[in-house]
Amino acid sequence: MGIRKKKFNGEEYEILDHTEKPGFRTAFHVILCIAVVYFIYIFSHLSQ
């Protein structure tokens, strides 16, 4: 993480820069899929 300079409309700005840690996006998608399946399971048994 650090500060990087970026040009926008001819002016230079300082922005925060970070690198994505590997594996977090995959873990998010796996947990999201498990949660969706779990909610489908719960709500399918409510009507019975």
PDB file of N, CA and C in Angstrom:
ATOM      1  N   MET A   1       0.848  -1.163   0.000  1.00  0.00           N
ATOM      2  CA  MET A   1       0.000   0.000   0.000  1.00  0.00           C
ATOM      3  C   MET A   1       0.896   1.228   0.000  1.00  0.00           C
ATOM      4  N   GLY A   2       0.506   2.199  -0.767  1.00  0.00           N
ATOM      5  CA  GLY A   2       1.298   3.408  -0.822  1.00  0.00           C
ATOM      6  C   GLY A   2       0.556   4.503  -1.553  1.00  0.00           C
ATOM      7  N   ILE A   3       1.261   5.568  -1.823  1.00  0.00           N
ATOM      8  CA  ILE A   3       0.668   6.697  -2.528  1.00  0.00           C
ATOM      9  C   ILE A   3       1.251   6.716  -3.937  1.00  0.00           C
ATOM     10  N   ARG A   4       0.377   6.905  -4.922  1.00  0.00           N
ATOM     11  CA  ARG A   4       0.775   6.928  -6.316  1.00  0.00           C
ATOM     12  C   ARG A   4       0.228   8.203  -6.949  1.00  0.00           C
ATOM     13  N   LYS A   5       0.954   8.730  -7.918  1.00  0.00           N
ATOM     14  CA  LYS A   5       0.498   9.928  -8.617  1.00  0.00           C
ATOM     15  C   LYS A   5      -0.201   9.511  -9.898  1.00  0.00           C
ATOM     16  N   LYS A   6      -1.353  10.157 -10.174  1.00  0.00           N
ATOM     17  CA  LYS A   6      -2.150   9.839 -11.355  1.00  0.00           C
ATOM     18  C   LYS A   6      -2.597  11.128 -12.008  1.00  0.00           C
ATOM     19  N   LYS A   7      -2.545  11.166 -13.345  1.00  0.00           N
ATOM     20  CA  LYS A   7      -2.987  12.353 -14.074  1.00  0.00           C
ATOM     21  C   LYS A   7      -4.435  12.188 -14.484  1.00  0.00           C
ATOM     22  N   PHE A   8      -5.222  13.262 -14.274  1.00  0.00           N
ATOM     23  CA  PHE A   8      -6.624  13.270 -14.648  1.00  0.00           C
ATOM     24  C   PHE A   8      -6.969  14.665 -15.130  1.00  0.00           C
ATOM     25  N   ASN A   9      -7.428  14.782 -16.371  1.00  0.00           N
ATOM     26  CA  ASN A   9      -7.760  16.067 -16.996  1.00  0.00           C
ATOM     27  C   ASN A   9      -6.593  17.054 -16.942  1.00  0.00           C
ATOM     28  N   GLY A  10      -5.406  16.561 -17.169  1.00  0.00           N
ATOM     29  CA  GLY A  10      -4.228  17.421 -17.208  1.00  0.00           C
ATOM     30  C   GLY A  10      -3.679  17.811 -15.855  1.00  0.00           C
ATOM     31  N   GLU A  11      -4.324  17.398 -14.759  1.00  0.00           N
ATOM     32  CA  GLU A  11      -3.831  17.704 -13.417  1.00  0.00           C
ATOM     33  C   GLU A  11      -3.347  16.418 -12.757  1.00  0.00           C
ATOM     34  N   GLU A  12      -2.362  16.571 -11.887  1.00  0.00           N
ATOM     35  CA  GLU A  12      -1.779  15.411 -11.221  1.00  0.00           C
ATOM     36  C   GLU A  12      -2.316  15.312  -9.798  1.00  0.00           C
ATOM     37  N   TYR A  13      -2.788  14.117  -9.434  1.00  0.00           N
ATOM     38  CA  TYR A  13      -3.353  13.865  -8.110  1.00  0.00           C
ATOM     39  C   TYR A  13      -2.591  12.732  -7.429  1.00  0.00           C
ATOM     40  N   GLU A  14      -2.573  12.774  -6.118  1.00  0.00           N
ATOM     41  CA  GLU A  14      -2.022  11.662  -5.343  1.00  0.00           C
ATOM     42  C   GLU A  14      -3.182  10.777  -4.891  1.00  0.00           C
ATOM     43  N   ILE A  15      -3.088   9.474  -5.166  1.00  0.00           N
ATOM     44  CA  ILE A  15      -4.136   8.533  -4.781  1.00  0.00           C
ATOM     45  C   ILE A  15      -3.507   7.398  -3.982  1.00  0.00           C
ATOM     46  N   LEU A  16      -4.332   6.767  -3.159  1.00  0.00           N
ATOM     47  CA  LEU A  16      -3.870   5.591  -2.425  1.00  0.00           C
ATOM     48  C   LEU A  16      -3.844   4.404  -3.376  1.00  0.00           C
ATOM     49  N   ASP A  17      -2.789   3.635  -3.316  1.00  0.00           N
ATOM     50  CA  ASP A  17      -2.617   2.489  -4.202  1.00  0.00           C
ATOM     51  C   ASP A  17      -2.481   1.236  -3.345  1.00  0.00           C
ATOM     52  N   HIS A  18      -3.108   0.152  -3.771  1.00  0.00           N
ATOM     53  CA  HIS A  18      -2.966  -1.106  -3.047  1.00  0.00           C
ATOM     54  C   HIS A  18      -2.931  -2.258  -4.041  1.00  0.00           C
ATOM     55  N   THR A  19      -2.354  -3.350  -3.616  1.00  0.00           N
ATOM     56  CA  THR A  19      -2.336  -4.556  -4.444  1.00  0.00           C
ATOM     57  C   THR A  19      -3.315  -5.552  -3.840  1.00  0.00           C
ATOM     58  N   GLU A  20      -4.028  -6.246  -4.702  1.00  0.00           N
ATOM     59  CA  GLU A  20      -5.027  -7.213  -4.239  1.00  0.00           C
ATOM     60  C   GLU A  20      -4.328  -8.481  -3.745  1.00  0.00           C
ATOM     61  N   LYS A  21      -4.745  -8.953  -2.594  1.00  0.00           N
ATOM     62  CA  LYS A  21      -4.158 -10.177  -2.062  1.00  0.00           C
ATOM     63  C   LYS A  21      -4.778 -11.373  -2.774  1.00  0.00           C
ATOM     64  N   PRO A  22      -3.983 -12.315  -3.208  1.00  0.00           N
ATOM     65  CA  PRO A  22      -4.533 -13.451  -3.959  1.00  0.00           C
ATOM     66  C   PRO A  22      -5.395 -14.345  -3.081  1.00  0.00           C
ATOM     67  N   GLY A  23      -6.495 -14.825  -3.639  1.00  0.00           N
ATOM     68  CA  GLY A  23      -7.347 -15.764  -2.928  1.00  0.00           C
ATOM     69  C   GLY A  23      -8.566 -15.158  -2.273  1.00  0.00           C
ATOM     70  N   PHE A  24      -8.569 -13.867  -2.001  1.00  0.00           N
ATOM     71  CA  PHE A  24      -9.707 -13.270  -1.320  1.00  0.00           C
ATOM     72  C   PHE A  24     -10.951 -13.227  -2.204  1.00  0.00           C
ATOM     73  N   ARG A  25     -10.781 -12.971  -3.493  1.00  0.00           N
ATOM     74  CA  ARG A  25     -11.923 -12.927  -4.397  1.00  0.00           C
ATOM     75  C   ARG A  25     -12.541 -14.318  -4.533  1.00  0.00           C
ATOM     76  N   THR A  26     -11.710 -15.333  -4.649  1.00  0.00           N
ATOM     77  CA  THR A  26     -12.210 -16.712  -4.748  1.00  0.00           C
ATOM     78  C   THR A  26     -12.928 -17.114  -3.469  1.00  0.00           C
ATOM     79  N   ALA A  27     -12.360 -16.782  -2.325  1.00  0.00           N
ATOM     80  CA  ALA A  27     -12.992 -17.119  -1.046  1.00  0.00           C
ATOM     81  C   ALA A  27     -14.339 -16.409  -0.913  1.00  0.00           C
ATOM     82  N   PHE A  28     -14.429 -15.163  -1.358  1.00  0.00           N
ATOM     83  CA  PHE A  28     -15.692 -14.424  -1.307  1.00  0.00           C
ATOM     84  C   PHE A  28     -16.750 -15.116  -2.154  1.00  0.00           C
ATOM     85  N   HIS A  29     -16.390 -15.552  -3.358  1.00  0.00           N
ATOM     86  CA  HIS A  29     -17.360 -16.206  -4.232  1.00  0.00           C
ATOM     87  C   HIS A  29     -17.805 -17.556  -3.674  1.00  0.00           C
ATOM     88  N   VAL A  30     -16.899 -18.302  -3.076  1.00  0.00           N
ATOM     89  CA  VAL A  30     -17.259 -19.596  -2.486  1.00  0.00           C
ATOM     90  C   VAL A  30     -18.237 -19.392  -1.332  1.00  0.00           C
ATOM     91  N   ILE A  31     -17.954 -18.444  -0.451  1.00  0.00           N
ATOM     92  CA  ILE A  31     -18.824 -18.187   0.696  1.00  0.00           C
ATOM     93  C   ILE A  31     -20.181 -17.663   0.230  1.00  0.00           C
ATOM     94  N   LEU A  32     -20.190 -16.813  -0.791  1.00  0.00           N
ATOM     95  CA  LEU A  32     -21.447 -16.305  -1.335  1.00  0.00           C
ATOM     96  C   LEU A  32     -22.299 -17.441  -1.911  1.00  0.00           C
ATOM     97  N   CYS A  33     -21.695 -18.367  -2.626  1.00  0.00           N
ATOM     98  CA  CYS A  33     -22.437 -19.508  -3.183  1.00  0.00           C
ATOM     99  C   CYS A  33     -22.998 -20.398  -2.082  1.00  0.00           C
ATOM    100  N   ILE A  34     -22.222 -20.645  -1.045  1.00  0.00           N
ATOM    101  CA  ILE A  34     -22.697 -21.461   0.076  1.00  0.00           C
ATOM    102  C   ILE A  34     -23.881 -20.775   0.756  1.00  0.00           C
ATOM    103  N   ALA A  35     -23.809 -19.452   0.925  1.00  0.00           N
ATOM    104  CA  ALA A  35     -24.901 -18.715   1.565  1.00  0.00           C
ATOM    105  C   ALA A  35     -26.164 -18.772   0.720  1.00  0.00           C
ATOM    106  N   VAL A  36     -26.045 -18.652  -0.590  1.00  0.00           N
ATOM    107  CA  VAL A  36     -27.215 -18.714  -1.464  1.00  0.00           C
ATOM    108  C   VAL A  36     -27.862 -20.092  -1.395  1.00  0.00           C
ATOM    109  N   VAL A  37     -27.056 -21.131  -1.438  1.00  0.00           N
ATOM    110  CA  VAL A  37     -27.600 -22.500  -1.339  1.00  0.00           C
ATOM    111  C   VAL A  37     -28.274 -22.703   0.014  1.00  0.00           C
ATOM    112  N   TYR A  38     -27.688 -22.186   1.075  1.00  0.00           N
ATOM    113  CA  TYR A  38     -28.255 -22.315   2.409  1.00  0.00           C
ATOM    114  C   TYR A  38     -29.612 -21.602   2.513  1.00  0.00           C
ATOM    115  N   PHE A  39     -29.704 -20.384   1.966  1.00  0.00           N
ATOM    116  CA  PHE A  39     -30.981 -19.663   1.991  1.00  0.00           C
ATOM    117  C   PHE A  39     -32.044 -20.357   1.150  1.00  0.00           C
ATOM    118  N   ILE A  40     -31.661 -20.907   0.011  1.00  0.00           N
ATOM    119  CA  ILE A  40     -32.622 -21.665  -0.800  1.00  0.00           C
ATOM    120  C   ILE A  40     -33.128 -22.863  -0.009  1.00  0.00           C
ATOM    121  N   TYR A  41     -32.246 -23.547   0.690  1.00  0.00           N
ATOM    122  CA  TYR A  41     -32.636 -24.704   1.508  1.00  0.00           C
ATOM    123  C   TYR A  41     -33.601 -24.277   2.620  1.00  0.00           C
ATOM    124  N   ILE A  42     -33.292 -23.186   3.318  1.00  0.00           N
ATOM    125  CA  ILE A  42     -34.141 -22.721   4.420  1.00  0.00           C
ATOM    126  C   ILE A  42     -35.526 -22.316   3.906  1.00  0.00           C
ATOM    127  N   PHE A  43     -35.564 -21.491   2.867  1.00  0.00           N
ATOM    128  CA  PHE A  43     -36.834 -20.979   2.404  1.00  0.00           C
ATOM    129  C   PHE A  43     -37.668 -22.019   1.661  1.00  0.00           C
ATOM    130  N   SER A  44     -37.044 -23.067   1.154  1.00  0.00           N
ATOM    131  CA  SER A  44     -37.824 -24.126   0.507  1.00  0.00           C
ATOM    132  C   SER A  44     -38.544 -24.973   1.553  1.00  0.00           C
ATOM    133  N   HIS A  45     -38.061 -25.000   2.786  1.00  0.00           N
ATOM    134  CA  HIS A  45     -38.721 -25.780   3.850  1.00  0.00           C
ATOM    135  C   HIS A  45     -39.719 -24.953   4.654  1.00  0.00           C
ATOM    136  N   LEU A  46     -39.829 -23.669   4.405  1.00  0.00           N
ATOM    137  CA  LEU A  46     -40.770 -22.837   5.130  1.00  0.00           C
ATOM    138  C   LEU A  46     -42.216 -23.125   4.731  1.00  0.00           C
ATOM    139  N   SER A  47     -42.456 -23.432   3.476  1.00  0.00           N
ATOM    140  CA  SER A  47     -43.823 -23.598   2.992  1.00  0.00           C
ATOM    141  C   SER A  47     -44.406 -24.958   3.344  1.00  0.00           C
ATOM    142  N   GLN A  48     -43.620 -25.865   3.863  1.00  0.00           N
ATOM    143  CA  GLN A  48     -44.131 -27.210   4.169  1.00  0.00           C
ATOM    144  C   GLN A  48     -44.690 -27.312   5.554  1.00  0.00           C
TER     145      GLN A  48
END
